[in-house]
C-alpha atoms as a PDB file:
ATOM      1  CA  UNK A   1      11.152  50.887 228.879  1.00  0.00           C
ATOM      2  CA  UNK A   2      10.046  53.379 231.450  1.00  0.00           C
ATOM      3  CA  UNK A   3      10.140  57.079 231.240  1.00  0.00           C
ATOM      4  CA  UNK A   4      13.041  57.280 233.615  1.00  0.00           C
ATOM      5  CA  UNK A   5      15.353  55.540 231.000  1.00  0.00           C
ATOM      6  CA  UNK A   6      14.610  58.000 228.286  1.00  0.00           C
ATOM      7  CA  UNK A   7      16.264  61.492 228.459  1.00  0.00           C
ATOM      8  CA  UNK A   8      13.939  64.499 228.947  1.00  0.00           C
ATOM      9  CA  UNK A   9      13.123  66.347 225.666  1.00  0.00           C
ATOM     10  CA  UNK A  10      14.454  69.849 225.762  1.00  0.00           C
ATOM     11  CA  UNK A  11      13.524  72.518 223.332  1.00  0.00           C
ATOM     12  CA  UNK A  12      16.204  74.291 221.350  1.00  0.00           C
ATOM     13  CA  UNK A  13      15.406  77.564 222.983  1.00  0.00           C
ATOM     14  CA  UNK A  14      15.847  76.180 226.426  1.00  0.00           C
ATOM     15  CA  UNK A  15      19.104  74.398 225.404  1.00  0.00           C
ATOM     16  CA  UNK A  16      20.510  77.686 223.995  1.00  0.00           C
ATOM     17  CA  UNK A  17      19.591  79.467 227.266  1.00  0.00           C
ATOM     18  CA  UNK A  18      21.371  76.866 229.304  1.00  0.00           C
ATOM     19  CA  UNK A  19      24.462  77.041 227.109  1.00  0.00           C
ATOM     20  CA  UNK A  20      24.629  80.822 227.342  1.00  0.00           C
ATOM     21  CA  UNK A  21      24.077  80.766 231.116  1.00  0.00           C
ATOM     22  CA  UNK A  22      27.077  78.163 231.296  1.00  0.00           C
ATOM     23  CA  UNK A  23      29.187  80.300 229.182  1.00  0.00           C
ATOM     24  CA  UNK A  24      28.509  83.509 231.207  1.00  0.00           C
ATOM     25  CA  UNK A  25      29.094  81.582 234.458  1.00  0.00           C
ATOM     26  CA  UNK A  26      32.542  80.256 233.296  1.00  0.00           C
ATOM     27  CA  UNK A  27      33.488  83.761 231.925  1.00  0.00           C
ATOM     28  CA  UNK A  28      32.574  85.342 235.261  1.00  0.00           C
ATOM     29  CA  UNK A  29      34.404  82.714 237.235  1.00  0.00           C
ATOM     30  CA  UNK A  30      37.619  83.060 235.273  1.00  0.00           C
ATOM     31  CA  UNK A  31      37.598  86.879 234.896  1.00  0.00           C
ATOM     32  CA  UNK A  32      39.495  87.597 238.089  1.00  0.00           C
ATOM     33  CA  UNK A  33      42.295  85.228 237.322  1.00  0.00           C
ATOM     34  CA  UNK A  34      42.747  86.577 233.785  1.00  0.00           C
ATOM     35  CA  UNK A  35      43.081  90.231 234.881  1.00  0.00           C
ATOM     36  CA  UNK A  36      45.678  89.248 237.494  1.00  0.00           C
ATOM     37  CA  UNK A  37      47.672  87.259 235.012  1.00  0.00           C
ATOM     38  CA  UNK A  38      47.685  90.226 232.516  1.00  0.00           C
ATOM     39  CA  UNK A  39      48.845  92.817 235.009  1.00  0.00           C
ATOM     40  CA  UNK A  40      51.777  90.770 236.040  1.00  0.00           C
ATOM     41  CA  UNK A  41      53.299  90.525 232.522  1.00  0.00           C
ATOM     42  CA  UNK A  42      56.076  93.072 231.758  1.00  0.00           C
ATOM     43  CA  UNK A  43      55.365  95.724 229.102  1.00  0.00           C
ATOM     44  CA  UNK A  44      57.002  95.151 225.775  1.00  0.00           C
ATOM     45  CA  UNK A  45      58.152  97.678 223.139  1.00  0.00           C
ATOM     46  CA  UNK A  46      55.925  98.069 220.137  1.00  0.00           C
ATOM     47  CA  UNK A  47      58.898  98.844 217.960  1.00  0.00           C
ATOM     48  CA  UNK A  48      59.419  95.195 216.829  1.00  0.00           C
ATOM     49  CA  UNK A  49      58.101  95.576 213.342  1.00  0.00           C
ATOM     50  CA  UNK A  50      60.860  96.014 210.695  1.00  0.00           C
ATOM     51  CA  UNK A  51      60.771  99.039 208.544  1.00  0.00           C
ATOM     52  CA  UNK A  52      59.656  98.663 204.984  1.00  0.00           C
ATOM     53  CA  UNK A  53      62.649  99.632 202.823  1.00  0.00           C
ATOM     54  CA  UNK A  54      61.143  98.823 199.462  1.00  0.00           C
ATOM     55  CA  UNK A  55      61.577 102.409 198.199  1.00  0.00           C
ATOM     56  CA  UNK A  56      65.258 102.266 199.037  1.00  0.00           C
ATOM     57  CA  UNK A  57      65.678  98.872 197.341  1.00  0.00           C
ATOM     58  CA  UNK A  58      63.847  99.875 194.126  1.00  0.00           C
ATOM     59  CA  UNK A  59      65.211 103.432 193.830  1.00  0.00           C
ATOM     60  CA  UNK A  60      61.828 105.162 193.729  1.00  0.00           C
END
């Protein structure tokens, strides 16, 4: 076996730096699309939660 067949050993610190860089790059690439999609959605009422009528039911 030659050295070309074996994968290069990478330290854990270097690996984490690469992962973080990839994560930030994908986040920055998709950031413009996410903002455009959110602004296009219609606003919804926040009064969808049913009122708690436990006091009324228990007579307290």
